[in-house]
Amino acid sequence: MPSTPLAIFQKGKKLNKANQGHTDQHTSAQKDQMEPQRESSIRAQSAVEHMNILVPPLSAYRRIATPLQILDLLFVRDSYFSPYSKEDEQVKNTLWSFLETWMDKNPEDFCDPSDMLPLQYLEAYLSVYIPNSDLIVWVKNLLTQLQEEHAKDLQAKDEEDSDLGRHILRSTD
C-alpha cells in the first residue's frame, strides 16, 4: 500500500491523484441521482414528524388559536402541491390523516351549527387538493347535516319570535 496522503480506497479500488477527478465526477453523479430519493425520504419523514407534533396538542391548541386559524396555517403551508409528486402525495396523506384525527378527537371544533366557517373552509380546501378522499365525503355530509340543523334552529327561533309577538299583541289589546 502506498504511503502517499492522496491515496484513497473506495469499494476495493485504489485511487490516487491521477484518477481522483474521475471518481469525484462519478460520486457527484451518484449524489445527483440520489437527491430526489433523499428529498422524498426527508419529506416523508417530515410528514410523519408533523403528525407526531400536531396530533398530541389537539386538546390544548384552543388556548392560542381558533380552529379556523389552525386550518389556515396548515393550508397555507401546504397549498403548493404538485399533482404528480410522490412526496406531495405523502404529505397530503399525512395531512388527511391529521384532519381526520382532529375531526374524530375534537368534533366540537367542526360541529357548531352557528359557526360552520371552519368546516366550509375545510371543504373548500379538500375539494381542491384532496378531492377523492373519504374525508371530503365525510365533511360534505357533516356540513349538509349542520346546515339542516341550523335551518331548523332558525325556523324554531322565528316561530318563538312570532309567538312572542302574538303574545305581546294580545296583552296590549
C-alpha atoms as a PDB file:
ATOM      1  CA  MET A   1       0.000   0.000   0.000  1.00  0.00           C
ATOM      2  CA  PRO A   2       1.453   3.403  -0.913  1.00  0.00           C
ATOM      3  CA  SER A   3       2.080   5.799   1.879  1.00  0.00           C
ATOM      4  CA  THR A   4       1.059   8.934  -0.015  1.00  0.00           C
ATOM      5  CA  PRO A   5      -1.619  11.014   1.660  1.00  0.00           C
ATOM      6  CA  LEU A   6      -3.593  11.251  -1.597  1.00  0.00           C
ATOM      7  CA  ALA A   7      -4.197   7.507  -1.791  1.00  0.00           C
ATOM      8  CA  ILE A   8      -7.862   6.697  -1.200  1.00  0.00           C
ATOM      9  CA  PHE A   9      -9.541   3.326  -1.070  1.00  0.00           C
ATOM     10  CA  GLN A  10     -13.161   3.081  -2.136  1.00  0.00           C
ATOM     11  CA  LYS A  11     -15.076  -0.089  -2.978  1.00  0.00           C
ATOM     12  CA  GLY A  12     -11.838  -2.030  -3.198  1.00  0.00           C
ATOM     13  CA  LYS A  13     -10.248   0.331  -5.759  1.00  0.00           C
ATOM     14  CA  LYS A  14      -7.079   2.223  -5.088  1.00  0.00           C
ATOM     15  CA  LEU A  15      -7.498   5.852  -6.040  1.00  0.00           C
ATOM     16  CA  ASN A  16      -4.675   8.296  -6.405  1.00  0.00           C
ATOM     17  CA  LYS A  17      -4.291  11.883  -7.519  1.00  0.00           C
ATOM     18  CA  ALA A  18      -4.433  10.914 -11.219  1.00  0.00           C
ATOM     19  CA  ASN A  19      -7.814   9.166 -11.158  1.00  0.00           C
ATOM     20  CA  GLN A  20      -9.409  11.009  -8.228  1.00  0.00           C
ATOM     21  CA  GLY A  21     -11.018  13.653 -10.510  1.00  0.00           C
ATOM     22  CA  HIS A  22     -12.889  10.946 -12.464  1.00  0.00           C
ATOM     23  CA  THR A  23     -14.130   9.423  -9.218  1.00  0.00           C
ATOM     24  CA  ASP A  24     -15.264  12.804  -7.916  1.00  0.00           C
ATOM     25  CA  GLN A  25     -17.355  13.251 -11.065  1.00  0.00           C
ATOM     26  CA  HIS A  26     -18.808   9.746 -10.676  1.00  0.00           C
ATOM     27  CA  THR A  27     -19.577  10.356  -6.995  1.00  0.00           C
ATOM     28  CA  SER A  28     -21.175  13.683  -7.874  1.00  0.00           C
ATOM     29  CA  ALA A  29     -23.376  11.987 -10.496  1.00  0.00           C
ATOM     30  CA  GLN A  30     -24.413   9.345  -7.954  1.00  0.00           C
ATOM     31  CA  LYS A  31     -25.317  12.069  -5.462  1.00  0.00           C
ATOM     32  CA  ASP A  32     -27.370  13.870  -8.111  1.00  0.00           C
ATOM     33  CA  GLN A  33     -29.276  10.659  -8.852  1.00  0.00           C
ATOM     34  CA  MET A  34     -29.898  10.007  -5.175  1.00  0.00           C
ATOM     35  CA  GLU A  35     -31.034  13.563  -4.424  1.00  0.00           C
ATOM     36  CA  PRO A  36     -34.713  13.022  -5.406  1.00  0.00           C
ATOM     37  CA  GLN A  37     -34.808   9.852  -3.286  1.00  0.00           C
ATOM     38  CA  ARG A  38     -33.240  11.686  -0.376  1.00  0.00           C
ATOM     39  CA  GLU A  39     -35.695  14.580  -0.726  1.00  0.00           C
ATOM     40  CA  SER A  40     -38.569  12.095  -0.890  1.00  0.00           C
ATOM     41  CA  SER A  41     -37.330  10.337   2.221  1.00  0.00           C
ATOM     42  CA  ILE A  42     -36.820  13.627   4.050  1.00  0.00           C
ATOM     43  CA  ARG A  43     -40.262  14.876   3.024  1.00  0.00           C
ATOM     44  CA  ALA A  44     -41.923  11.618   4.131  1.00  0.00           C
ATOM     45  CA  GLN A  45     -40.024  11.732   7.413  1.00  0.00           C
ATOM     46  CA  SER A  46     -41.053  15.353   7.806  1.00  0.00           C
ATOM     47  CA  ALA A  47     -44.698  14.406   7.255  1.00  0.00           C
ATOM     48  CA  VAL A  48     -44.511  11.762   9.984  1.00  0.00           C
ATOM     49  CA  GLU A  49     -42.807  14.235  12.310  1.00  0.00           C
ATOM     50  CA  HIS A  50     -45.585  16.742  11.625  1.00  0.00           C
ATOM     51  CA  MET A  51     -48.182  14.152  12.637  1.00  0.00           C
ATOM     52  CA  ASN A  52     -46.256  13.346  15.810  1.00  0.00           C
ATOM     53  CA  ILE A  53     -46.038  17.034  16.624  1.00  0.00           C
ATOM     54  CA  LEU A  54     -49.550  18.092  15.622  1.00  0.00           C
ATOM     55  CA  VAL A  55     -51.791  15.356  16.992  1.00  0.00           C
ATOM     56  CA  PRO A  56     -50.905  15.454  20.723  1.00  0.00           C
ATOM     57  CA  PRO A  57     -51.640  19.168  21.252  1.00  0.00           C
ATOM     58  CA  LEU A  58     -55.084  18.939  19.638  1.00  0.00           C
ATOM     59  CA  SER A  59     -56.639  19.134  23.062  1.00  0.00           C
ATOM     60  CA  ALA A  60     -54.640  22.219  24.061  1.00  0.00           C
ATOM     61  CA  TYR A  61     -54.421  24.404  20.957  1.00  0.00           C
ATOM     62  CA  ARG A  62     -57.593  26.357  21.783  1.00  0.00           C
ATOM     63  CA  ARG A  63     -55.642  28.444  24.263  1.00  0.00           C
ATOM     64  CA  ILE A  64     -53.639  30.007  21.436  1.00  0.00           C
ATOM     65  CA  ALA A  65     -55.726  29.727  18.263  1.00  0.00           C
ATOM     66  CA  THR A  66     -59.137  29.025  16.795  1.00  0.00           C
ATOM     67  CA  PRO A  67     -59.846  26.019  14.570  1.00  0.00           C
ATOM     68  CA  LEU A  68     -60.007  28.373  11.591  1.00  0.00           C
ATOM     69  CA  GLN A  69     -56.552  29.789  12.384  1.00  0.00           C
ATOM     70  CA  ILE A  70     -55.069  26.294  12.674  1.00  0.00           C
ATOM     71  CA  LEU A  71     -56.635  25.257   9.366  1.00  0.00           C
ATOM     72  CA  ASP A  72     -55.274  28.398   7.760  1.00  0.00           C
ATOM     73  CA  LEU A  73     -51.753  27.659   8.999  1.00  0.00           C
ATOM     74  CA  LEU A  74     -51.940  24.103   7.679  1.00  0.00           C
ATOM     75  CA  PHE A  75     -53.432  25.022   4.337  1.00  0.00           C
ATOM     76  CA  VAL A  76     -51.211  27.993   3.544  1.00  0.00           C
ATOM     77  CA  ARG A  77     -48.122  25.922   4.254  1.00  0.00           C
ATOM     78  CA  ASP A  78     -49.220  23.012   2.079  1.00  0.00           C
ATOM     79  CA  SER A  79     -51.103  24.806  -0.683  1.00  0.00           C
ATOM     80  CA  TYR A  80     -48.481  24.237  -3.352  1.00  0.00           C
ATOM     81  CA  PHE A  81     -48.940  20.555  -4.046  1.00  0.00           C
ATOM     82  CA  SER A  82     -47.757  19.159  -7.344  1.00  0.00           C
ATOM     83  CA  PRO A  83     -50.304  16.782  -8.869  1.00  0.00           C
ATOM     84  CA  TYR A  84     -47.690  14.184  -9.874  1.00  0.00           C
ATOM     85  CA  SER A  85     -45.328  14.274  -6.918  1.00  0.00           C
ATOM     86  CA  LYS A  86     -44.988  11.192  -4.711  1.00  0.00           C
ATOM     87  CA  GLU A  87     -43.600  13.355  -1.924  1.00  0.00           C
ATOM     88  CA  ASP A  88     -46.583  15.680  -2.085  1.00  0.00           C
ATOM     89  CA  GLU A  89     -48.870  12.650  -2.100  1.00  0.00           C
ATOM     90  CA  GLN A  90     -47.259  11.504   1.160  1.00  0.00           C
ATOM     91  CA  VAL A  91     -47.724  14.938   2.689  1.00  0.00           C
ATOM     92  CA  LYS A  92     -51.362  15.021   1.538  1.00  0.00           C
ATOM     93  CA  ASN A  93     -51.931  11.613   3.124  1.00  0.00           C
ATOM     94  CA  THR A  94     -50.391  12.816   6.358  1.00  0.00           C
ATOM     95  CA  LEU A  95     -52.468  15.976   6.297  1.00  0.00           C
ATOM     96  CA  TRP A  96     -55.573  13.931   5.522  1.00  0.00           C
ATOM     97  CA  SER A  97     -54.811  11.635   8.494  1.00  0.00           C
ATOM     98  CA  PHE A  98     -54.239  14.605  10.759  1.00  0.00           C
ATOM     99  CA  LEU A  99     -57.504  16.261   9.738  1.00  0.00           C
ATOM    100  CA  GLU A 100     -59.406  13.016  10.144  1.00  0.00           C
ATOM    101  CA  THR A 101     -57.881  12.514  13.601  1.00  0.00           C
ATOM    102  CA  TRP A 102     -58.699  16.099  14.543  1.00  0.00           C
ATOM    103  CA  MET A 103     -62.321  15.732  13.451  1.00  0.00           C
ATOM    104  CA  ASP A 104     -62.587  12.417  15.276  1.00  0.00           C
ATOM    105  CA  LYS A 105     -60.963  13.556  18.530  1.00  0.00           C
ATOM    106  CA  ASN A 106     -62.408  17.091  18.617  1.00  0.00           C
ATOM    107  CA  PRO A 107     -65.723  17.052  16.732  1.00  0.00           C
ATOM    108  CA  GLU A 108     -66.886  20.141  18.606  1.00  0.00           C
ATOM    109  CA  ASP A 109     -64.409  22.169  16.536  1.00  0.00           C
ATOM    110  CA  PHE A 110     -66.406  21.366  13.421  1.00  0.00           C
ATOM    111  CA  CYS A 111     -69.950  20.633  14.621  1.00  0.00           C
ATOM    112  CA  ASP A 112     -71.263  24.029  15.658  1.00  0.00           C
ATOM    113  CA  PRO A 113     -74.294  24.899  13.515  1.00  0.00           C
ATOM    114  CA  SER A 114     -73.853  28.575  14.373  1.00  0.00           C
ATOM    115  CA  ASP A 115     -70.221  28.603  13.141  1.00  0.00           C
ATOM    116  CA  MET A 116     -69.762  26.455  10.058  1.00  0.00           C
ATOM    117  CA  LEU A 117     -66.889  28.519   8.656  1.00  0.00           C
ATOM    118  CA  PRO A 118     -64.113  26.085   9.719  1.00  0.00           C
ATOM    119  CA  LEU A 119     -65.995  23.204   8.117  1.00  0.00           C
ATOM    120  CA  GLN A 120     -66.711  25.216   4.970  1.00  0.00           C
ATOM    121  CA  TYR A 121     -63.032  26.185   4.747  1.00  0.00           C
ATOM    122  CA  LEU A 122     -62.046  22.553   5.177  1.00  0.00           C
ATOM    123  CA  GLU A 123     -64.492  21.501   2.455  1.00  0.00           C
ATOM    124  CA  ALA A 124     -63.134  24.104   0.030  1.00  0.00           C
ATOM    125  CA  TYR A 125     -59.543  23.035   0.656  1.00  0.00           C
ATOM    126  CA  LEU A 126     -60.260  19.328   0.338  1.00  0.00           C
ATOM    127  CA  SER A 127     -62.279  19.886  -2.836  1.00  0.00           C
ATOM    128  CA  VAL A 128     -59.213  21.387  -4.489  1.00  0.00           C
ATOM    129  CA  TYR A 129     -56.319  19.383  -3.039  1.00  0.00           C
ATOM    130  CA  ILE A 130     -57.734  16.028  -1.908  1.00  0.00           C
ATOM    131  CA  PRO A 131     -60.993  15.734  -3.870  1.00  0.00           C
ATOM    132  CA  ASN A 132     -61.316  11.950  -3.959  1.00  0.00           C
ATOM    133  CA  SER A 133     -60.825  11.243  -0.286  1.00  0.00           C
ATOM    134  CA  ASP A 134     -63.286   9.733   2.138  1.00  0.00           C
ATOM    135  CA  LEU A 135     -62.698  12.800   4.263  1.00  0.00           C
ATOM    136  CA  ILE A 136     -64.308  15.145   1.724  1.00  0.00           C
ATOM    137  CA  VAL A 137     -67.408  12.930   1.679  1.00  0.00           C
ATOM    138  CA  TRP A 138     -67.496  12.972   5.471  1.00  0.00           C
ATOM    139  CA  VAL A 139     -67.071  16.761   5.552  1.00  0.00           C
ATOM    140  CA  LYS A 140     -69.797  17.353   2.945  1.00  0.00           C
ATOM    141  CA  ASN A 141     -72.239  15.099   4.807  1.00  0.00           C
ATOM    142  CA  LEU A 142     -71.489  16.819   8.101  1.00  0.00           C
ATOM    143  CA  LEU A 143     -71.861  20.236   6.503  1.00  0.00           C
ATOM    144  CA  THR A 144     -75.234  19.281   4.998  1.00  0.00           C
ATOM    145  CA  GLN A 145     -76.394  17.936   8.355  1.00  0.00           C
ATOM    146  CA  LEU A 146     -75.297  21.107  10.166  1.00  0.00           C
ATOM    147  CA  GLN A 147     -76.948  23.350   7.570  1.00  0.00           C
ATOM    148  CA  GLU A 148     -80.225  21.462   8.012  1.00  0.00           C
ATOM    149  CA  GLU A 149     -79.887  21.708  11.787  1.00  0.00           C
ATOM    150  CA  HIS A 150     -79.141  25.430  11.524  1.00  0.00           C
ATOM    151  CA  ALA A 151     -82.195  25.949   9.290  1.00  0.00           C
ATOM    152  CA  LYS A 152     -84.388  24.118  11.840  1.00  0.00           C
ATOM    153  CA  ASP A 153     -82.945  26.240  14.656  1.00  0.00           C
ATOM    154  CA  LEU A 154     -83.697  29.427  12.704  1.00  0.00           C
ATOM    155  CA  GLN A 155     -87.215  28.234  11.959  1.00  0.00           C
ATOM    156  CA  ALA A 156     -87.820  27.401  15.626  1.00  0.00           C
ATOM    157  CA  LYS A 157     -86.472  30.812  16.642  1.00  0.00           C
ATOM    158  CA  ASP A 158     -88.726  32.531  14.097  1.00  0.00           C
ATOM    159  CA  GLU A 159     -91.720  30.619  15.483  1.00  0.00           C
ATOM    160  CA  GLU A 160     -90.774  31.616  19.028  1.00  0.00           C
ATOM    161  CA  ASP A 161     -90.412  35.245  17.962  1.00  0.00           C
ATOM    162  CA  SER A 162     -93.758  35.039  16.179  1.00  0.00           C
ATOM    163  CA  ASP A 163     -95.418  33.531  19.247  1.00  0.00           C
ATOM    164  CA  LEU A 164     -93.831  36.204  21.426  1.00  0.00           C
ATOM    165  CA  GLY A 165     -95.105  38.893  19.052  1.00  0.00           C
ATOM    166  CA  ARG A 166     -98.631  37.459  19.213  1.00  0.00           C
ATOM    167  CA  HIS A 167     -98.428  37.293  22.983  1.00  0.00           C
ATOM    168  CA  ILE A 168     -97.345  40.935  23.169  1.00  0.00           C
ATOM    169  CA  LEU A 169    -100.143  41.991  20.814  1.00  0.00           C
ATOM    170  CA  ARG A 170    -102.740  40.112  22.897  1.00  0.00           C
ATOM    171  CA  SER A 171    -101.530  41.621  26.130  1.00  0.00           C
ATOM    172  CA  THR A 172    -101.779  45.163  24.734  1.00  0.00           C
ATOM    173  CA  ASP A 173    -105.353  44.615  23.482  1.00  0.00           C
END
